[in-house]
Amino acid sequence: MDFYTIIEKARKTGKIEKGTNEVTKTIERGTAKLVVVASDVDPKEITQHLKILCNEKGIKYGEVDSKKKLGISSGILVACSSVAVLEAGDAEKDIAALK
């Protein structure tokens, strides 16, 4: 199961937050179940702190290759640097299967 599919499932049946500022807030509050970041974000400093925060809080973290595709799977028509899954919905088993 790829991260794009998990994000899309969670968007349709659960709840997600989009954008680095919103994602940072969900990590700090401890409400994120999974954080996915696009690796083609430029400059890298925009999303660099997210992996560190996820490690500190014990939140699952993943990277995808394209912010454009991440935006599409998030249900928006523009590129998206990062997404947090708050309520997994039908993607619960997929997220649990991630290492």
PDB file of N, CA and C in Angstrom:
ATOM      1  N   MET A   1       0.859  -1.189   0.000  1.00  0.00           N
ATOM      2  CA  MET A   1       0.000   0.000   0.000  1.00  0.00           C
ATOM      3  C   MET A   1       0.895   1.239   0.000  1.00  0.00           C
ATOM      4  N   ASP A   2       0.682   2.117  -0.959  1.00  0.00           N
ATOM      5  CA  ASP A   2       1.509   3.327  -0.990  1.00  0.00           C
ATOM      6  C   ASP A   2       0.854   4.463  -0.200  1.00  0.00           C
ATOM      7  N   PHE A   3       1.653   5.468   0.119  1.00  0.00           N
ATOM      8  CA  PHE A   3       1.176   6.575   0.947  1.00  0.00           C
ATOM      9  C   PHE A   3       0.069   7.375   0.259  1.00  0.00           C
ATOM     10  N   TYR A   4       0.148   7.516  -1.055  1.00  0.00           N
ATOM     11  CA  TYR A   4      -0.898   8.256  -1.780  1.00  0.00           C
ATOM     12  C   TYR A   4      -2.268   7.608  -1.566  1.00  0.00           C
ATOM     13  N   THR A   5      -2.306   6.285  -1.657  1.00  0.00           N
ATOM     14  CA  THR A   5      -3.568   5.553  -1.490  1.00  0.00           C
ATOM     15  C   THR A   5      -4.074   5.687  -0.055  1.00  0.00           C
ATOM     16  N   ILE A   6      -3.171   5.597   0.905  1.00  0.00           N
ATOM     17  CA  ILE A   6      -3.556   5.736   2.314  1.00  0.00           C
ATOM     18  C   ILE A   6      -4.146   7.124   2.571  1.00  0.00           C
ATOM     19  N   ILE A   7      -3.496   8.156   2.037  1.00  0.00           N
ATOM     20  CA  ILE A   7      -3.986   9.538   2.211  1.00  0.00           C
ATOM     21  C   ILE A   7      -5.369   9.677   1.591  1.00  0.00           C
ATOM     22  N   GLU A   8      -5.535   9.135   0.390  1.00  0.00           N
ATOM     23  CA  GLU A   8      -6.821   9.242  -0.295  1.00  0.00           C
ATOM     24  C   GLU A   8      -7.935   8.539   0.485  1.00  0.00           C
ATOM     25  N   LYS A   9      -7.642   7.346   0.993  1.00  0.00           N
ATOM     26  CA  LYS A   9      -8.625   6.600   1.803  1.00  0.00           C
ATOM     27  C   LYS A   9      -8.994   7.376   3.063  1.00  0.00           C
ATOM     28  N   ALA A  10      -7.964   7.904   3.735  1.00  0.00           N
ATOM     29  CA  ALA A  10      -8.195   8.656   4.980  1.00  0.00           C
ATOM     30  C   ALA A  10      -8.986   9.926   4.703  1.00  0.00           C
ATOM     31  N   ARG A  11      -8.726  10.559   3.558  1.00  0.00           N
ATOM     32  CA  ARG A  11      -9.464  11.782   3.197  1.00  0.00           C
ATOM     33  C   ARG A  11     -10.943  11.483   2.999  1.00  0.00           C
ATOM     34  N   LYS A  12     -11.233  10.360   2.359  1.00  0.00           N
ATOM     35  CA  LYS A  12     -12.623  10.017   2.038  1.00  0.00           C
ATOM     36  C   LYS A  12     -13.409   9.496   3.235  1.00  0.00           C
ATOM     37  N   THR A  13     -12.736   8.787   4.153  1.00  0.00           N
ATOM     38  CA  THR A  13     -13.467   8.127   5.240  1.00  0.00           C
ATOM     39  C   THR A  13     -13.058   8.586   6.630  1.00  0.00           C
ATOM     40  N   GLY A  14     -12.024   9.414   6.723  1.00  0.00           N
ATOM     41  CA  GLY A  14     -11.546   9.881   8.024  1.00  0.00           C
ATOM     42  C   GLY A  14     -11.353  11.381   8.010  1.00  0.00           C
ATOM     43  N   LYS A  15     -10.185  11.820   8.492  1.00  0.00           N
ATOM     44  CA  LYS A  15      -9.887  13.253   8.521  1.00  0.00           C
ATOM     45  C   LYS A  15      -8.393  13.469   8.324  1.00  0.00           C
ATOM     46  N   ILE A  16      -8.050  14.445   7.463  1.00  0.00           N
ATOM     47  CA  ILE A  16      -6.644  14.792   7.246  1.00  0.00           C
ATOM     48  C   ILE A  16      -6.459  16.302   7.379  1.00  0.00           C
ATOM     49  N   GLU A  17      -5.225  16.704   7.599  1.00  0.00           N
ATOM     50  CA  GLU A  17      -4.844  18.114   7.584  1.00  0.00           C
ATOM     51  C   GLU A  17      -3.768  18.278   6.532  1.00  0.00           C
ATOM     52  N   LYS A  18      -3.817  19.385   5.804  1.00  0.00           N
ATOM     53  CA  LYS A  18      -2.870  19.638   4.719  1.00  0.00           C
ATOM     54  C   LYS A  18      -2.053  20.893   5.007  1.00  0.00           C
ATOM     55  N   GLY A  19      -0.806  20.870   4.561  1.00  0.00           N
ATOM     56  CA  GLY A  19       0.059  22.044   4.721  1.00  0.00           C
ATOM     57  C   GLY A  19       0.957  21.922   5.933  1.00  0.00           C
ATOM     58  N   THR A  20       2.158  22.415   5.806  1.00  0.00           N
ATOM     59  CA  THR A  20       3.176  22.243   6.846  1.00  0.00           C
ATOM     60  C   THR A  20       2.785  22.868   8.179  1.00  0.00           C
ATOM     61  N   ASN A  21       2.166  24.049   8.166  1.00  0.00           N
ATOM     62  CA  ASN A  21       1.768  24.682   9.439  1.00  0.00           C
ATOM     63  C   ASN A  21       0.732  23.840  10.172  1.00  0.00           C
ATOM     64  N   GLU A  22      -0.299  23.385   9.463  1.00  0.00           N
ATOM     65  CA  GLU A  22      -1.342  22.570  10.091  1.00  0.00           C
ATOM     66  C   GLU A  22      -0.784  21.231  10.558  1.00  0.00           C
ATOM     67  N   VAL A  23       0.065  20.624   9.730  1.00  0.00           N
ATOM     68  CA  VAL A  23       0.661  19.335  10.077  1.00  0.00           C
ATOM     69  C   VAL A  23       1.526  19.466  11.330  1.00  0.00           C
ATOM     70  N   THR A  24       2.313  20.543  11.409  1.00  0.00           N
ATOM     71  CA  THR A  24       3.151  20.782  12.594  1.00  0.00           C
ATOM     72  C   THR A  24       2.283  20.857  13.851  1.00  0.00           C
ATOM     73  N   LYS A  25       1.166  21.561  13.767  1.00  0.00           N
ATOM     74  CA  LYS A  25       0.256  21.676  14.920  1.00  0.00           C
ATOM     75  C   LYS A  25      -0.276  20.312  15.348  1.00  0.00           C
ATOM     76  N   THR A  26      -0.673  19.472  14.383  1.00  0.00           N
ATOM     77  CA  THR A  26      -1.230  18.158  14.731  1.00  0.00           C
ATOM     78  C   THR A  26      -0.169  17.263  15.385  1.00  0.00           C
ATOM     79  N   ILE A  27       1.078  17.391  14.942  1.00  0.00           N
ATOM     80  CA  ILE A  27       2.160  16.599  15.556  1.00  0.00           C
ATOM     81  C   ILE A  27       2.368  17.072  16.992  1.00  0.00           C
ATOM     82  N   GLU A  28       2.457  18.392  17.176  1.00  0.00           N
ATOM     83  CA  GLU A  28       2.699  18.936  18.518  1.00  0.00           C
ATOM     84  C   GLU A  28       1.573  18.594  19.485  1.00  0.00           C
ATOM     85  N   ARG A  29       0.343  18.538  18.979  1.00  0.00           N
ATOM     86  CA  ARG A  29      -0.806  18.164  19.816  1.00  0.00           C
ATOM     87  C   ARG A  29      -0.886  16.657  20.041  1.00  0.00           C
ATOM     88  N   GLY A  30      -0.149  15.895  19.226  1.00  0.00           N
ATOM     89  CA  GLY A  30      -0.184  14.440  19.347  1.00  0.00           C
ATOM     90  C   GLY A  30      -1.405  13.803  18.716  1.00  0.00           C
ATOM     91  N   THR A  31      -2.096  14.526  17.815  1.00  0.00           N
ATOM     92  CA  THR A  31      -3.316  13.987  17.210  1.00  0.00           C
ATOM     93  C   THR A  31      -3.073  13.296  15.870  1.00  0.00           C
ATOM     94  N   ALA A  32      -1.877  13.475  15.293  1.00  0.00           N
ATOM     95  CA  ALA A  32      -1.575  12.853  13.993  1.00  0.00           C
ATOM     96  C   ALA A  32      -1.268  11.374  14.181  1.00  0.00           C
ATOM     97  N   LYS A  33      -1.794  10.535  13.283  1.00  0.00           N
ATOM     98  CA  LYS A  33      -1.496   9.100  13.296  1.00  0.00           C
ATOM     99  C   LYS A  33      -0.393   8.777  12.286  1.00  0.00           C
ATOM    100  N   LEU A  34      -0.350   9.588  11.222  1.00  0.00           N
ATOM    101  CA  LEU A  34       0.636   9.402  10.163  1.00  0.00           C
ATOM    102  C   LEU A  34       0.917  10.758   9.533  1.00  0.00           C
ATOM    103  N   VAL A  35       2.182  11.025   9.248  1.00  0.00           N
ATOM    104  CA  VAL A  35       2.573  12.246   8.551  1.00  0.00           C
ATOM    105  C   VAL A  35       3.302  11.840   7.272  1.00  0.00           C
ATOM    106  N   VAL A  36       2.876  12.424   6.151  1.00  0.00           N
ATOM    107  CA  VAL A  36       3.514  12.150   4.864  1.00  0.00           C
ATOM    108  C   VAL A  36       4.025  13.472   4.293  1.00  0.00           C
ATOM    109  N   VAL A  37       5.288  13.464   3.858  1.00  0.00           N
ATOM    110  CA  VAL A  37       5.943  14.672   3.360  1.00  0.00           C
ATOM    111  C   VAL A  37       6.452  14.416   1.942  1.00  0.00           C
ATOM    112  N   ALA A  38       6.315  15.416   1.083  1.00  0.00           N
ATOM    113  CA  ALA A  38       6.841  15.317  -0.287  1.00  0.00           C
ATOM    114  C   ALA A  38       8.341  15.594  -0.267  1.00  0.00           C
ATOM    115  N   SER A  39       9.103  14.774  -0.978  1.00  0.00           N
ATOM    116  CA  SER A  39      10.564  14.943  -0.973  1.00  0.00           C
ATOM    117  C   SER A  39      11.040  16.005  -1.958  1.00  0.00           C
ATOM    118  N   ASP A  40      10.137  16.470  -2.844  1.00  0.00           N
ATOM    119  CA  ASP A  40      10.553  17.482  -3.825  1.00  0.00           C
ATOM    120  C   ASP A  40      10.238  18.911  -3.393  1.00  0.00           C
ATOM    121  N   VAL A  41      10.058  19.117  -2.090  1.00  0.00           N
ATOM    122  CA  VAL A  41       9.825  20.460  -1.551  1.00  0.00           C
ATOM    123  C   VAL A  41      11.141  21.235  -1.604  1.00  0.00           C
ATOM    124  N   ASP A  42      11.061  22.471  -2.048  1.00  0.00           N
ATOM    125  CA  ASP A  42      12.257  23.302  -2.162  1.00  0.00           C
ATOM    126  C   ASP A  42      11.961  24.688  -1.595  1.00  0.00           C
ATOM    127  N   PRO A  43      12.663  25.204  -0.615  1.00  0.00           N
ATOM    128  CA  PRO A  43      13.811  24.591   0.044  1.00  0.00           C
ATOM    129  C   PRO A  43      13.390  23.523   1.057  1.00  0.00           C
ATOM    130  N   LYS A  44      14.300  22.589   1.331  1.00  0.00           N
ATOM    131  CA  LYS A  44      14.041  21.454   2.230  1.00  0.00           C
ATOM    132  C   LYS A  44      13.702  21.902   3.654  1.00  0.00           C
ATOM    133  N   GLU A  45      14.170  23.094   4.039  1.00  0.00           N
ATOM    134  CA  GLU A  45      13.958  23.585   5.406  1.00  0.00           C
ATOM    135  C   GLU A  45      12.474  23.706   5.758  1.00  0.00           C
ATOM    136  N   ILE A  46      11.628  23.826   4.746  1.00  0.00           N
ATOM    137  CA  ILE A  46      10.182  23.993   4.983  1.00  0.00           C
ATOM    138  C   ILE A  46       9.616  22.792   5.741  1.00  0.00           C
ATOM    139  N   THR A  47      10.056  21.595   5.380  1.00  0.00           N
ATOM    140  CA  THR A  47       9.492  20.387   5.985  1.00  0.00           C
ATOM    141  C   THR A  47      10.490  19.592   6.820  1.00  0.00           C
ATOM    142  N   GLN A  48      11.716  20.050   6.926  1.00  0.00           N
ATOM    143  CA  GLN A  48      12.778  19.299   7.596  1.00  0.00           C
ATOM    144  C   GLN A  48      12.450  18.947   9.051  1.00  0.00           C
ATOM    145  N   HIS A  49      11.775  19.832   9.745  1.00  0.00           N
ATOM    146  CA  HIS A  49      11.499  19.628  11.167  1.00  0.00           C
ATOM    147  C   HIS A  49      10.444  18.552  11.430  1.00  0.00           C
ATOM    148  N   LEU A  50       9.650  18.220  10.426  1.00  0.00           N
ATOM    149  CA  LEU A  50       8.535  17.289  10.639  1.00  0.00           C
ATOM    150  C   LEU A  50       9.002  15.892  11.030  1.00  0.00           C
ATOM    151  N   LYS A  51      10.045  15.394  10.382  1.00  0.00           N
ATOM    152  CA  LYS A  51      10.553  14.053  10.698  1.00  0.00           C
ATOM    153  C   LYS A  51      11.059  13.994  12.137  1.00  0.00           C
ATOM    154  N   ILE A  52      11.759  15.036  12.559  1.00  0.00           N
ATOM    155  CA  ILE A  52      12.292  15.097  13.922  1.00  0.00           C
ATOM    156  C   ILE A  52      11.150  15.102  14.941  1.00  0.00           C
ATOM    157  N   LEU A  53      10.130  15.937  14.681  1.00  0.00           N
ATOM    158  CA  LEU A  53       8.970  15.994  15.585  1.00  0.00           C
ATOM    159  C   LEU A  53       8.252  14.647  15.661  1.00  0.00           C
ATOM    160  N   CYS A  54       8.084  14.001  14.507  1.00  0.00           N
ATOM    161  CA  CYS A  54       7.410  12.694  14.477  1.00  0.00           C
ATOM    162  C   CYS A  54       8.181  11.660  15.292  1.00  0.00           C
ATOM    163  N   ASN A  55       9.514  11.667  15.165  1.00  0.00           N
ATOM    164  CA  ASN A  55      10.337  10.731  15.943  1.00  0.00           C
ATOM    165  C   ASN A  55      10.184  10.982  17.444  1.00  0.00           C
ATOM    166  N   GLU A  56      10.160  12.262  17.829  1.00  0.00           N
ATOM    167  CA  GLU A  56      10.016  12.615  19.246  1.00  0.00           C
ATOM    168  C   GLU A  56       8.674  12.165  19.803  1.00  0.00           C
ATOM    169  N   LYS A  57       7.615  12.302  18.992  1.00  0.00           N
ATOM    170  CA  LYS A  57       6.260  12.001  19.455  1.00  0.00           C
ATOM    171  C   LYS A  57       5.835  10.559  19.160  1.00  0.00           C
ATOM    172  N   GLY A  58       6.669   9.804  18.447  1.00  0.00           N
ATOM    173  CA  GLY A  58       6.317   8.420  18.119  1.00  0.00           C
ATOM    174  C   GLY A  58       5.224   8.312  17.066  1.00  0.00           C
ATOM    175  N   ILE A  59       5.189   9.269  16.145  1.00  0.00           N
ATOM    176  CA  ILE A  59       4.183   9.284  15.075  1.00  0.00           C
ATOM    177  C   ILE A  59       4.806   8.720  13.807  1.00  0.00           C
ATOM    178  N   LYS A  60       4.053   7.882  13.107  1.00  0.00           N
ATOM    179  CA  LYS A  60       4.558   7.286  11.869  1.00  0.00           C
ATOM    180  C   LYS A  60       4.785   8.368  10.823  1.00  0.00           C
ATOM    181  N   TYR A  61       5.872   8.192  10.059  1.00  0.00           N
ATOM    182  CA  TYR A  61       6.311   9.211   9.103  1.00  0.00           C
ATOM    183  C   TYR A  61       6.658   8.530   7.787  1.00  0.00           C
ATOM    184  N   GLY A  62       6.289   9.185   6.688  1.00  0.00           N
ATOM    185  CA  GLY A  62       6.637   8.655   5.382  1.00  0.00           C
ATOM    186  C   GLY A  62       6.940   9.771   4.401  1.00  0.00           C
ATOM    187  N   GLU A  63       7.676   9.427   3.357  1.00  0.00           N
ATOM    188  CA  GLU A  63       7.990  10.400   2.306  1.00  0.00           C
ATOM    189  C   GLU A  63       7.495   9.889   0.964  1.00  0.00           C
ATOM    190  N   VAL A  64       7.005  10.819   0.147  1.00  0.00           N
ATOM    191  CA  VAL A  64       6.592  10.517  -1.221  1.00  0.00           C
ATOM    192  C   VAL A  64       7.418  11.371  -2.166  1.00  0.00           C
ATOM    193  N   ASP A  65       7.396  11.026  -3.440  1.00  0.00           N
ATOM    194  CA  ASP A  65       8.275  11.698  -4.394  1.00  0.00           C
ATOM    195  C   ASP A  65       7.732  13.014  -4.933  1.00  0.00           C
ATOM    196  N   SER A  66       6.399  13.222  -4.883  1.00  0.00           N
ATOM    197  CA  SER A  66       5.832  14.373  -5.579  1.00  0.00           C
ATOM    198  C   SER A  66       4.818  15.151  -4.747  1.00  0.00           C
ATOM    199  N   LYS A  67       5.067  16.464  -4.592  1.00  0.00           N
ATOM    200  CA  LYS A  67       4.096  17.309  -3.873  1.00  0.00           C
ATOM    201  C   LYS A  67       2.834  17.505  -4.701  1.00  0.00           C
ATOM    202  N   LYS A  68       2.949  17.435  -6.025  1.00  0.00           N
ATOM    203  CA  LYS A  68       1.778  17.556  -6.902  1.00  0.00           C
ATOM    204  C   LYS A  68       0.835  16.363  -6.688  1.00  0.00           C
ATOM    205  N   LYS A  69       1.415  15.143  -6.696  1.00  0.00           N
ATOM    206  CA  LYS A  69       0.605  13.936  -6.482  1.00  0.00           C
ATOM    207  C   LYS A  69       0.042  13.899  -5.062  1.00  0.00           C
ATOM    208  N   LEU A  70       0.805  14.429  -4.097  1.00  0.00           N
ATOM    209  CA  LEU A  70       0.332  14.477  -2.712  1.00  0.00           C
ATOM    210  C   LEU A  70      -0.875  15.411  -2.609  1.00  0.00           C
ATOM    211  N   GLY A  71      -0.828  16.530  -3.336  1.00  0.00           N
ATOM    212  CA  GLY A  71      -1.970  17.443  -3.377  1.00  0.00           C
ATOM    213  C   GLY A  71      -3.202  16.771  -3.965  1.00  0.00           C
ATOM    214  N   ILE A  72      -3.020  16.036  -5.051  1.00  0.00           N
ATOM    215  CA  ILE A  72      -4.142  15.343  -5.700  1.00  0.00           C
ATOM    216  C   ILE A  72      -4.755  14.311  -4.751  1.00  0.00           C
ATOM    217  N   SER A  73      -3.926  13.503  -4.093  1.00  0.00           N
ATOM    218  CA  SER A  73      -4.467  12.495  -3.181  1.00  0.00           C
ATOM    219  C   SER A  73      -5.103  13.133  -1.943  1.00  0.00           C
ATOM    220  N   SER A  74      -4.727  14.399  -1.656  1.00  0.00           N
ATOM    221  CA  SER A  74      -5.329  15.127  -0.540  1.00  0.00           C
ATOM    222  C   SER A  74      -6.642  15.808  -0.933  1.00  0.00           C
ATOM    223  N   GLY A  75      -6.954  15.759  -2.225  1.00  0.00           N
ATOM    224  CA  GLY A  75      -8.211  16.335  -2.690  1.00  0.00           C
ATOM    225  C   GLY A  75      -8.137  17.809  -3.032  1.00  0.00           C
ATOM    226  N   ILE A  76      -6.924  18.324  -3.257  1.00  0.00           N
ATOM    227  CA  ILE A  76      -6.791  19.724  -3.658  1.00  0.00           C
ATOM    228  C   ILE A  76      -6.114  19.795  -5.022  1.00  0.00           C
ATOM    229  N   LEU A  77      -6.298  20.894  -5.702  1.00  0.00           N
ATOM    230  CA  LEU A  77      -5.802  21.026  -7.068  1.00  0.00           C
ATOM    231  C   LEU A  77      -4.414  21.664  -7.163  1.00  0.00           C
ATOM    232  N   VAL A  78      -3.782  21.885  -6.024  1.00  0.00           N
ATOM    233  CA  VAL A  78      -2.447  22.474  -6.008  1.00  0.00           C
ATOM    234  C   VAL A  78      -1.483  21.521  -5.289  1.00  0.00           C
ATOM    235  N   ALA A  79      -0.195  21.781  -5.443  1.00  0.00           N
ATOM    236  CA  ALA A  79       0.810  20.955  -4.783  1.00  0.00           C
ATOM    237  C   ALA A  79       0.697  21.091  -3.261  1.00  0.00           C
ATOM    238  N   CYS A  80       1.068  20.036  -2.563  1.00  0.00           N
ATOM    239  CA  CYS A  80       0.957  20.010  -1.105  1.00  0.00           C
ATOM    240  C   CYS A  80       2.256  19.438  -0.527  1.00  0.00           C
ATOM    241  N   SER A  81       2.881  20.170   0.368  1.00  0.00           N
ATOM    242  CA  SER A  81       4.176  19.743   0.902  1.00  0.00           C
ATOM    243  C   SER A  81       4.063  18.632   1.935  1.00  0.00           C
ATOM    244  N   SER A  82       2.985  18.655   2.735  1.00  0.00           N
ATOM    245  CA  SER A  82       2.836  17.638   3.781  1.00  0.00           C
ATOM    246  C   SER A  82       1.374  17.450   4.156  1.00  0.00           C
ATOM    247  N   VAL A  83       1.089  16.236   4.636  1.00  0.00           N
ATOM    248  CA  VAL A  83      -0.271  15.867   5.043  1.00  0.00           C
ATOM    249  C   VAL A  83      -0.179  15.055   6.330  1.00  0.00           C
ATOM    250  N   ALA A  84      -1.130  15.289   7.233  1.00  0.00           N
ATOM    251  CA  ALA A  84      -1.235  14.485   8.450  1.00  0.00           C
ATOM    252  C   ALA A  84      -2.581  13.781   8.458  1.00  0.00           C
ATOM    253  N   VAL A  85      -2.587  12.510   8.810  1.00  0.00           N
ATOM    254  CA  VAL A  85      -3.830  11.763   8.973  1.00  0.00           C
ATOM    255  C   VAL A  85      -4.220  11.848  10.446  1.00  0.00           C
ATOM    256  N   LEU A  86      -5.404  12.423  10.710  1.00  0.00           N
ATOM    257  CA  LEU A  86      -5.886  12.542  12.085  1.00  0.00           C
ATOM    258  C   LEU A  86      -6.812  11.383  12.446  1.00  0.00           C
ATOM    259  N   GLU A  87      -7.743  11.097  11.558  1.00  0.00           N
ATOM    260  CA  GLU A  87      -8.646   9.957  11.729  1.00  0.00           C
ATOM    261  C   GLU A  87      -8.496   9.088  10.490  1.00  0.00           C
ATOM    262  N   ALA A  88      -8.083   7.857  10.686  1.00  0.00           N
ATOM    263  CA  ALA A  88      -7.707   7.004   9.565  1.00  0.00           C
ATOM    264  C   ALA A  88      -8.897   6.499   8.753  1.00  0.00           C
ATOM    265  N   GLY A  89     -10.059   6.323   9.375  1.00  0.00           N
ATOM    266  CA  GLY A  89     -11.201   5.778   8.641  1.00  0.00           C
ATOM    267  C   GLY A  89     -10.866   4.397   8.101  1.00  0.00           C
ATOM    268  N   ASP A  90     -11.112   4.158   6.824  1.00  0.00           N
ATOM    269  CA  ASP A  90     -10.850   2.852   6.201  1.00  0.00           C
ATOM    270  C   ASP A  90      -9.354   2.562   6.046  1.00  0.00           C
ATOM    271  N   ALA A  91      -8.507   3.547   6.254  1.00  0.00           N
ATOM    272  CA  ALA A  91      -7.063   3.358   6.105  1.00  0.00           C
ATOM    273  C   ALA A  91      -6.404   2.879   7.409  1.00  0.00           C
ATOM    274  N   GLU A  92      -7.198   2.603   8.429  1.00  0.00           N
ATOM    275  CA  GLU A  92      -6.689   2.201   9.748  1.00  0.00           C
ATOM    276  C   GLU A  92      -5.737   1.000   9.662  1.00  0.00           C
ATOM    277  N   LYS A  93      -6.146  -0.054   8.957  1.00  0.00           N
ATOM    278  CA  LYS A  93      -5.321  -1.263   8.839  1.00  0.00           C
ATOM    279  C   LYS A  93      -4.052  -0.980   8.048  1.00  0.00           C
ATOM    280  N   ASP A  94      -4.162  -0.145   7.010  1.00  0.00           N
ATOM    281  CA  ASP A  94      -2.993   0.183   6.189  1.00  0.00           C
ATOM    282  C   ASP A  94      -1.939   0.922   7.016  1.00  0.00           C
ATOM    283  N   ILE A  95      -2.397   1.853   7.849  1.00  0.00           N
ATOM    284  CA  ILE A  95      -1.470   2.622   8.693  1.00  0.00           C
ATOM    285  C   ILE A  95      -0.857   1.711   9.754  1.00  0.00           C
ATOM    286  N   ALA A  96      -1.667   0.822  10.330  1.00  0.00           N
ATOM    287  CA  ALA A  96      -1.165  -0.109  11.340  1.00  0.00           C
ATOM    288  C   ALA A  96      -0.105  -1.044  10.755  1.00  0.00           C
ATOM    289  N   ALA A  97      -0.207  -1.353   9.463  1.00  0.00           N
ATOM    290  CA  ALA A  97       0.737  -2.268   8.809  1.00  0.00           C
ATOM    291  C   ALA A  97       2.077  -1.600   8.489  1.00  0.00           C
ATOM    292  N   LEU A  98       2.141  -0.267   8.565  1.00  0.00           N
ATOM    293  CA  LEU A  98       3.392   0.442   8.289  1.00  0.00           C
ATOM    294  C   LEU A  98       4.380   0.219   9.417  1.00  0.00           C
ATOM    295  N   LYS A  99       5.652   0.183   9.075  1.00  0.00           N
ATOM    296  CA  LYS A  99       6.678  -0.019  10.112  1.00  0.00           C
ATOM    297  C   LYS A  99       7.171   1.317  10.630  1.00  0.00           C
TER     298      LYS A  99
END
